[in-house]
């Protein structure tokens, strides 16, 4: 089928011909569709049967340009192939933690997948001070398994490189390289920020030590192909309810530094923490929920590190120092020390990459709804100034971080007078 961008009518005609959907939507004669894509890249439709709303799917289609910037910014549609490949792999490695894939159509640059009608994008309920008792367990499992089992720690060198070749995702990587690590820290037409923090933005751009550290983190992102990373794993790419968690939108997936995914989750929780200085005026309610968020930061890292170490100890068959290598007196203890150092380096990278992403959200093209939803620009600026201070310190002090408590301490130190 020749590519064409679908709309709420043509998408129904498209789905009626998909035999793969017979079990999911047995009756395709009364379908209705609505376009719900509020993201920066793609069209997203929910299609359901009028007779039975439980019969529903989501169709996501890539446009040939960056949606947030318009058709003046061309962008390859191949990103949908990378997203589909990643979803299929994630379903294999972390079943139940990503949506099921029903149809993949490379010619039309689309994927049809499970409709998560009982879930919400995580950002909004966090602003509402909702709690998710299973999130820590679910997201730490997803990261530990998706990262470990696509790395040299588990795969042979040939397997890893052949798999990596399927995820050379240059155009999407270029977006992250520009919009996370480069453009926000210099003059660039697409940058946007709250005018109340102009002085802080200019100070970041003039901070030589910080810009050196940002350049080092960009080099890490571009060259450190440890594992298949989601590469956009924030709370806008997670759908939740009180019992279930699903990771979505892996169109940026490629082989990069593990700490980029881990840092993205941690910094998004911190940004939500900061947003409550405006969203939650009652000091007692605010303090209680902010304590919950920081405990979640601590638990996400600690559970990820524990699970990653355990799965590595049980599956040490990859190219990077297999079991035989440690077959000598005291080898078991030395292997445990090697794992500890490796995981510590992931934490350092998580701090650095998380800090970069925290900064770019304050002064780049794509801000963060948790904070941009604060209508009073002066109140919003309070949160943004704190984010700039915390993000800068995470980047600059990443090599000195010995535990996740050091990251939390930086947050506490910078917010103690807020």
Protein backbone atom coordinates (compact mmCIF):
# COMPACT_ATOMS: atom_id res chain seq x y z
CA UNK A 1 0.00 0.00 0.00
CA UNK A 2 1.33 3.42 -0.93
CA UNK A 3 2.00 5.64 2.08
CA UNK A 4 -0.63 8.19 2.99
CA UNK A 5 -1.26 9.96 6.26
CA UNK A 6 -4.46 8.56 7.74
CA UNK A 7 -7.33 10.51 9.25
CA UNK A 8 -10.28 9.50 11.45
CA UNK A 9 -12.17 8.14 8.43
CA UNK A 10 -9.46 6.49 6.34
CA UNK A 11 -8.05 4.74 9.39
CA UNK A 12 -11.31 2.79 9.72
CA UNK A 13 -11.13 1.66 6.09
CA UNK A 14 -7.55 0.57 6.70
CA UNK A 15 -8.41 -1.56 9.74
CA UNK A 16 -11.37 -3.29 8.11
CA UNK A 17 -8.96 -5.17 5.86
CA UNK A 18 -6.67 -6.42 8.64
CA UNK A 19 -7.34 -10.11 9.25
CA UNK A 20 -4.86 -10.06 12.15
CA UNK A 21 -7.44 -8.09 14.16
CA UNK A 22 -10.22 -10.68 13.93
CA UNK A 23 -9.76 -11.83 17.53
CA UNK A 24 -9.22 -8.34 18.94
CA UNK A 25 -12.09 -6.62 17.10
CA UNK A 26 -14.37 -9.35 15.72
CA UNK A 27 -16.95 -6.80 14.55
CA UNK A 28 -15.34 -4.17 12.35
CA UNK A 29 -18.53 -2.88 10.75
CA UNK A 30 -19.29 -0.19 13.35
CA UNK A 31 -15.87 1.25 14.12
CA UNK A 32 -15.31 4.81 15.26
CA UNK A 33 -11.94 6.54 15.47
CA UNK A 34 -10.56 9.61 17.15
CA UNK A 35 -7.14 11.17 16.78
CA UNK A 36 -5.55 11.64 20.19
CA UNK A 37 -1.92 12.28 19.34
CA UNK A 38 -0.68 15.14 21.47
CA UNK A 39 2.95 14.13 21.11
CA UNK A 40 5.74 15.71 19.14
CA UNK A 41 6.17 13.17 16.35
CA UNK A 42 3.23 11.04 15.25
CA UNK A 43 -0.46 10.53 14.53
CA UNK A 44 -2.20 8.39 17.15
CA UNK A 45 -5.75 7.04 16.80
CA UNK A 46 -8.01 5.11 19.16
CA UNK A 47 -10.36 2.91 17.16
CA UNK A 48 -13.20 1.06 18.89
CA UNK A 49 -16.40 -0.79 18.15
CA UNK A 50 -19.53 1.24 18.91
CA UNK A 51 -21.30 -1.92 19.97
CA UNK A 52 -18.56 -3.00 22.37
CA UNK A 53 -16.04 -0.35 23.49
CA UNK A 54 -13.86 -3.13 24.95
CA UNK A 55 -13.08 -4.07 21.37
CA UNK A 56 -10.50 -1.39 20.66
CA UNK A 57 -6.97 -0.83 19.37
CA UNK A 58 -4.50 2.00 19.01
CA UNK A 59 -2.96 2.84 15.65
CA UNK A 60 0.19 4.94 15.58
CA UNK A 61 1.55 6.33 12.32
CA UNK A 62 4.74 8.24 11.61
CA UNK A 63 4.51 11.50 9.70
CA UNK A 64 7.30 12.52 7.31
CA UNK A 65 8.17 15.51 9.48
CA UNK A 66 8.64 16.51 13.11
CA UNK A 67 5.09 17.23 14.21
CA UNK A 68 6.01 19.68 16.93
CA UNK A 69 7.93 21.78 14.39
CA UNK A 70 5.66 21.28 11.34
CA UNK A 71 6.33 20.11 7.82
CA UNK A 72 9.23 22.53 7.50
CA UNK A 73 11.24 20.02 9.56
CA UNK A 74 11.46 16.79 7.49
CA UNK A 75 11.93 13.53 9.39
CA UNK A 76 12.26 9.95 8.18
CA UNK A 77 9.26 7.67 8.65
CA UNK A 78 11.63 4.78 9.36
CA UNK A 79 11.31 5.54 13.06
CA UNK A 80 8.13 3.44 13.13
CA UNK A 81 10.13 0.36 12.15
CA UNK A 82 12.48 0.96 15.07
CA UNK A 83 9.55 1.44 17.42
CA UNK A 84 7.88 -1.78 16.30
CA UNK A 85 11.13 -3.76 16.56
CA UNK A 86 11.66 -2.42 20.07
CA UNK A 87 8.09 -3.18 21.16
CA UNK A 88 8.42 -6.76 19.95
CA UNK A 89 11.73 -7.19 21.76
CA UNK A 90 10.40 -5.61 24.94
CA UNK A 91 7.37 -7.93 24.82
CA UNK A 92 9.82 -10.83 24.67
CA UNK A 93 12.06 -9.63 27.51
CA UNK A 94 9.51 -7.92 29.78
CA UNK A 95 6.11 -9.43 28.95
CA UNK A 96 3.16 -7.55 30.37
CA UNK A 97 5.11 -4.31 30.71
CA UNK A 98 4.57 -3.00 27.15
CA UNK A 99 1.52 -3.01 24.85
CA UNK A 100 0.94 -6.01 22.59
CA UNK A 101 1.59 -5.53 18.86
CA UNK A 102 -1.15 -6.72 16.49
CA UNK A 103 -0.18 -5.27 13.08
CA UNK A 104 3.03 -3.80 11.71
CA UNK A 105 2.96 -2.11 8.29
CA UNK A 106 6.32 -0.76 7.18
CA UNK A 107 4.96 0.69 3.89
CA UNK A 108 2.41 2.75 5.80
CA UNK A 109 4.84 3.48 8.66
CA UNK A 110 2.37 2.36 11.29
CA UNK A 111 1.78 -0.10 14.08
CA UNK A 112 -1.53 -1.31 15.54
CA UNK A 113 -1.30 -2.25 19.19
CA UNK A 114 -3.15 -2.93 22.40
CA UNK A 115 -5.47 -0.20 23.64
CA UNK A 116 -4.75 0.65 27.27
CA UNK A 117 -8.08 2.23 28.06
CA UNK A 118 -7.77 1.65 31.79
CA UNK A 119 -4.41 3.40 31.99
CA UNK A 120 -3.29 7.02 32.05
CA UNK A 121 -0.08 8.73 30.97
CA UNK A 122 1.84 8.90 34.23
CA UNK A 123 2.52 12.65 34.28
CA UNK A 124 -1.03 13.81 34.97
CA UNK A 125 -1.86 11.55 37.91
CA UNK A 126 1.48 12.39 39.51
CA UNK A 127 0.48 16.06 39.42
CA UNK A 128 -2.79 14.96 41.04
CA UNK A 129 -0.75 13.29 43.81
CA UNK A 130 -1.84 9.79 42.92
CA UNK A 131 0.20 6.83 44.16
CA UNK A 132 1.15 3.70 42.24
CA UNK A 133 2.25 0.90 44.55
CA UNK A 134 3.53 -1.38 41.77
CA UNK A 135 5.35 1.16 39.63
CA UNK A 136 8.76 0.71 41.25
CA UNK A 137 8.67 -3.05 40.81
CA UNK A 138 7.43 -2.83 37.23
CA UNK A 139 9.74 -0.12 35.88
CA UNK A 140 12.81 -1.57 37.59
CA UNK A 141 12.02 -4.97 36.09
CA UNK A 142 11.53 -3.46 32.65
CA UNK A 143 14.85 -1.61 32.76
CA UNK A 144 16.87 -4.44 34.29
CA UNK A 145 15.67 -7.02 31.78
CA UNK A 146 15.55 -4.85 28.64
CA UNK A 147 19.04 -3.50 29.27
CA UNK A 148 20.80 -6.61 30.52
CA UNK A 149 19.52 -9.07 27.92
CA UNK A 150 20.47 -6.80 25.00
CA UNK A 151 24.01 -6.16 26.23
CA UNK A 152 27.43 -7.81 25.96
CA UNK A 153 26.84 -9.12 29.46
CA UNK A 154 24.38 -11.68 28.03
CA UNK A 155 24.87 -11.81 24.25
CA UNK A 156 27.86 -13.10 22.35
CA UNK A 157 29.82 -10.49 20.44
CA UNK A 158 28.36 -11.62 17.12
CA UNK A 159 24.79 -11.66 18.48
CA UNK A 160 25.17 -8.21 20.00
CA UNK A 161 26.61 -6.62 16.86
CA UNK A 162 24.10 -8.24 14.52
CA UNK A 163 21.26 -7.11 16.76
CA UNK A 164 22.77 -3.65 17.11
CA UNK A 165 22.88 -3.33 13.32
CA UNK A 166 19.06 -3.51 13.27
CA UNK A 167 18.86 -0.44 15.50
CA UNK A 168 21.04 2.08 13.71
CA UNK A 169 18.55 4.90 14.23
CA UNK A 170 20.51 7.96 13.05
CA UNK A 171 17.73 10.48 12.50
CA UNK A 172 16.09 9.97 15.88
CA UNK A 173 19.48 9.95 17.58
CA UNK A 174 20.22 13.26 15.87
CA UNK A 175 17.11 14.77 17.48
CA UNK A 176 18.31 13.75 20.95
CA UNK A 177 21.88 14.82 20.24
CA UNK A 178 20.67 18.27 19.22
CA UNK A 179 17.74 18.84 21.57
CA UNK A 180 19.10 17.23 24.75
CA UNK A 181 22.83 17.89 24.60
CA UNK A 182 23.51 20.84 22.28
CA UNK A 183 20.91 23.37 21.18
CA UNK A 184 19.46 24.35 24.57
CA UNK A 185 22.89 25.59 25.67
CA UNK A 186 23.45 27.97 22.74
CA UNK A 187 21.47 30.24 20.45
CA UNK A 188 19.04 28.07 18.46
CA UNK A 189 15.78 29.16 16.89
CA UNK A 190 13.58 26.44 18.37
CA UNK A 191 14.55 27.00 22.02
CA UNK A 192 11.88 28.31 24.35
CA UNK A 193 11.80 29.14 28.04
CA UNK A 194 9.96 31.11 30.65
CA UNK A 195 11.19 34.73 30.38
CA UNK A 196 11.32 34.83 34.19
CA UNK A 197 14.39 32.55 34.09
CA UNK A 198 16.29 34.27 31.31
CA UNK A 199 19.21 35.10 33.61
CA UNK A 200 19.54 31.44 34.64
CA UNK A 201 19.42 30.26 31.02
CA UNK A 202 22.18 32.68 30.03
CA UNK A 203 24.24 31.63 33.05
CA UNK A 204 24.07 27.98 31.98
CA UNK A 205 25.22 28.93 28.50
CA UNK A 206 28.19 30.82 29.92
CA UNK A 207 29.25 28.15 32.43
CA UNK A 208 32.40 26.63 30.93
CA UNK A 209 32.73 23.79 33.45
CA UNK A 210 29.12 22.77 32.93
CA UNK A 211 29.33 22.95 29.14
CA UNK A 212 32.43 20.76 29.21
CA UNK A 213 30.51 18.20 31.27
CA UNK A 214 27.52 18.41 28.90
CA UNK A 215 29.84 17.72 25.97
CA UNK A 216 31.18 14.67 27.79
CA UNK A 217 27.64 13.37 28.28
CA UNK A 218 26.86 13.90 24.61
CA UNK A 219 29.95 11.89 23.72
CA UNK A 220 28.68 9.12 26.00
CA UNK A 221 25.28 9.11 24.30
CA UNK A 222 26.79 9.02 20.82
CA UNK A 223 29.46 6.36 21.36
CA UNK A 224 28.62 4.16 24.37
CA UNK A 225 26.50 1.39 22.81
CA UNK A 226 25.97 -0.74 25.91
CA UNK A 227 22.46 -2.04 25.27
CA UNK A 228 19.19 -1.43 23.46
CA UNK A 229 17.85 1.62 25.25
CA UNK A 230 14.36 3.10 24.97
CA UNK A 231 16.04 6.52 24.73
CA UNK A 232 12.89 8.48 25.65
CA UNK A 233 11.87 6.77 28.87
CA UNK A 234 10.13 9.53 30.80
CA UNK A 235 6.81 9.63 32.66
CA UNK A 236 5.11 10.69 29.41
CA UNK A 237 6.19 7.34 27.93
CA UNK A 238 4.71 5.29 30.75
CA UNK A 239 1.03 4.41 31.16
CA UNK A 240 -0.16 3.32 34.59
CA UNK A 241 -3.01 2.41 36.83
CA UNK A 242 -2.94 1.17 40.40
CA UNK A 243 -2.00 -2.38 39.40
CA UNK A 244 -0.37 -2.19 35.96
CA UNK A 245 2.47 -0.35 34.19
CA UNK A 246 3.19 -0.21 30.45
CA UNK A 247 6.13 1.42 28.69
CA UNK A 248 5.22 2.96 25.32
CA UNK A 249 6.72 5.03 22.47
CA UNK A 250 10.20 3.53 21.89
CA UNK A 251 10.70 5.18 18.48
CA UNK A 252 14.05 6.58 19.66
CA UNK A 253 15.36 3.09 20.51
CA UNK A 254 19.01 2.38 19.67
CA UNK A 255 22.12 0.95 21.31
CA UNK A 256 23.28 3.54 23.79
CA UNK A 257 24.30 4.04 27.44
CA UNK A 258 22.13 2.23 29.97
CA UNK A 259 22.24 5.23 32.29
CA UNK A 260 20.30 7.33 29.79
CA UNK A 261 17.10 5.35 30.39
CA UNK A 262 17.60 5.10 34.15
CA UNK A 263 18.43 8.79 34.46
CA UNK A 264 15.35 9.79 32.45
CA UNK A 265 13.00 8.07 34.88
CA UNK A 266 14.76 9.49 37.95
CA UNK A 267 14.88 13.07 36.67
CA UNK A 268 11.22 13.01 35.62
CA UNK A 269 10.22 12.04 39.13
CA UNK A 270 12.34 14.91 40.47
CA UNK A 271 10.76 17.38 38.04
CA UNK A 272 7.33 16.26 39.20
CA UNK A 273 8.55 16.76 42.79
CA UNK A 274 9.47 20.34 41.91
CA UNK A 275 6.16 21.02 40.16
CA UNK A 276 4.30 20.59 43.45
CA UNK A 277 5.72 23.85 44.77
CA UNK A 278 3.05 25.36 42.53
CA UNK A 279 0.53 22.54 42.05
CA UNK A 280 0.14 21.76 45.76
CA UNK A 281 -0.09 24.96 47.82
CA UNK A 282 -0.89 23.21 51.11
CA UNK A 283 2.54 22.68 52.72
CA UNK A 284 1.61 19.47 54.56
CA UNK A 285 0.09 17.82 51.50
CA UNK A 286 3.06 18.94 49.43
CA UNK A 287 5.65 17.65 51.88
CA UNK A 288 3.93 14.27 52.16
CA UNK A 289 3.74 13.73 48.41
CA UNK A 290 7.23 15.06 47.72
CA UNK A 291 8.59 12.60 50.29
CA UNK A 292 6.75 9.85 48.41
CA UNK A 293 8.34 10.92 45.12
CA UNK A 294 11.86 10.99 46.55
CA UNK A 295 11.33 7.58 48.10
CA UNK A 296 10.26 6.41 44.66
CA UNK A 297 13.50 7.78 43.19
CA UNK A 298 15.47 5.84 45.80
CA UNK A 299 13.48 2.64 45.32
CA UNK A 300 13.57 2.71 41.51
CA UNK A 301 17.36 2.87 41.51
CA UNK A 302 17.88 0.38 44.33
CA UNK A 303 15.47 -2.15 42.83
CA UNK A 304 16.95 -1.71 39.36
CA UNK A 305 20.48 -2.24 40.71
CA UNK A 306 19.43 -5.29 42.74
CA UNK A 307 17.57 -6.93 39.85
CA UNK A 308 20.28 -6.11 37.31
CA UNK A 309 22.94 -7.64 39.56
CA UNK A 310 20.83 -10.75 40.20
CA UNK A 311 20.01 -11.41 36.56
CA UNK A 312 23.69 -10.91 35.66
CA UNK A 313 24.90 -13.31 38.35
CA UNK A 314 22.44 -15.93 37.04
CA UNK A 315 23.10 -15.38 33.32
CA UNK A 316 26.80 -14.60 32.95
CA UNK A 317 27.16 -16.05 29.44
CA UNK A 318 27.91 -13.00 27.33
CA UNK A 319 31.00 -11.80 25.53
CA UNK A 320 32.10 -9.57 28.40
CA UNK A 321 34.01 -11.83 30.79
CA UNK A 322 31.98 -15.08 30.87
CA UNK A 323 31.83 -17.47 33.80
CA UNK A 324 35.06 -19.31 32.95
CA UNK A 325 36.99 -16.07 33.30
CA UNK A 326 36.18 -15.97 37.01
CA UNK A 327 37.09 -19.64 37.62
CA UNK A 328 39.98 -19.11 40.05
CA UNK A 329 40.39 -18.79 43.82
CA UNK A 330 38.39 -15.78 45.04
CA UNK A 331 36.90 -15.50 41.53
CA UNK A 332 33.35 -15.31 42.83
CA UNK A 333 34.18 -12.33 45.04
CA UNK A 334 36.07 -10.59 42.23
CA UNK A 335 33.16 -11.15 39.85
CA UNK A 336 30.82 -9.59 42.42
CA UNK A 337 33.15 -6.58 42.64
CA UNK A 338 33.19 -6.26 38.85
CA UNK A 339 29.38 -6.21 38.84
CA UNK A 340 29.34 -3.62 41.62
CA UNK A 341 31.69 -1.30 39.70
CA UNK A 342 29.74 -1.71 36.47
CA UNK A 343 26.44 -0.85 38.17
CA UNK A 344 28.08 2.09 39.93
CA UNK A 345 29.10 3.43 36.53
CA UNK A 346 25.48 3.13 35.37
CA UNK A 347 24.52 5.31 38.36
CA UNK A 348 27.14 7.91 37.40
CA UNK A 349 25.78 7.94 33.85
CA UNK A 350 22.21 8.13 35.14
CA UNK A 351 23.14 11.23 37.13
CA UNK A 352 24.85 12.87 34.16
CA UNK A 353 22.22 12.05 31.57
CA UNK A 354 19.38 12.77 33.97
CA UNK A 355 20.90 16.16 34.70
CA UNK A 356 21.22 16.95 30.99
CA UNK A 357 17.59 16.05 30.41
CA UNK A 358 16.51 18.12 33.41
CA UNK A 359 18.28 21.16 32.00
CA UNK A 360 17.00 20.77 28.44
CA UNK A 361 13.40 20.65 29.71
CA UNK A 362 13.86 24.15 31.12
CA UNK A 363 15.35 25.82 28.04
CA UNK A 364 14.91 23.69 24.91
CA UNK A 365 12.25 22.96 22.30
CA UNK A 366 10.28 20.39 24.29
CA UNK A 367 9.44 21.38 27.86
CA UNK A 368 7.65 19.24 30.44
CA UNK A 369 3.91 19.36 31.10
CA UNK A 370 4.27 18.90 34.86
CA UNK A 371 5.84 22.37 34.96
CA UNK A 372 4.47 24.13 31.85
CA UNK A 373 0.96 23.47 33.18
CA UNK A 374 1.73 26.02 35.94
CA UNK A 375 0.02 29.14 34.58
CA UNK A 376 1.61 31.69 36.91
CA UNK A 377 5.01 32.31 35.32
CA UNK A 378 6.60 33.47 38.58
CA UNK A 379 5.49 30.35 40.43
CA UNK A 380 6.62 28.27 37.48
CA UNK A 381 10.01 30.01 37.59
CA UNK A 382 10.54 28.85 41.19
CA UNK A 383 10.36 25.23 39.98
CA UNK A 384 12.48 25.90 36.91
CA UNK A 385 15.29 27.62 38.81
CA UNK A 386 15.46 24.66 41.17
CA UNK A 387 15.54 22.25 38.24
CA UNK A 388 18.46 24.15 36.70
CA UNK A 389 20.39 24.04 39.96
CA UNK A 390 19.72 20.35 40.55
CA UNK A 391 20.32 19.33 36.94
CA UNK A 392 23.60 21.24 36.83
CA UNK A 393 24.83 19.54 40.00
CA UNK A 394 23.80 16.08 38.82
CA UNK A 395 25.91 16.59 35.71
CA UNK A 396 28.89 18.20 37.41
CA UNK A 397 29.02 15.90 40.44
CA UNK A 398 28.15 12.63 38.66
CA UNK A 399 31.60 11.07 39.24
CA UNK A 400 31.30 11.63 43.01
CA UNK A 401 27.91 9.95 43.35
CA UNK A 402 28.31 6.85 45.52
CA UNK A 403 24.61 6.00 45.96
CA UNK A 404 21.20 7.23 44.92
CA UNK A 405 21.03 8.98 48.30
CA UNK A 406 23.61 11.45 46.96
CA UNK A 407 21.23 12.42 44.15
CA UNK A 408 18.40 12.83 46.64
CA UNK A 409 20.68 14.87 48.93
CA UNK A 410 21.32 17.32 46.08
CA UNK A 411 17.57 17.72 45.61
CA UNK A 412 17.09 18.31 49.34
CA UNK A 413 19.92 20.83 49.54
CA UNK A 414 18.66 22.88 46.62
CA UNK A 415 15.02 22.87 47.76
CA UNK A 416 15.46 23.40 51.49
CA UNK A 417 14.56 27.11 51.24
CA UNK A 418 11.79 26.69 48.66
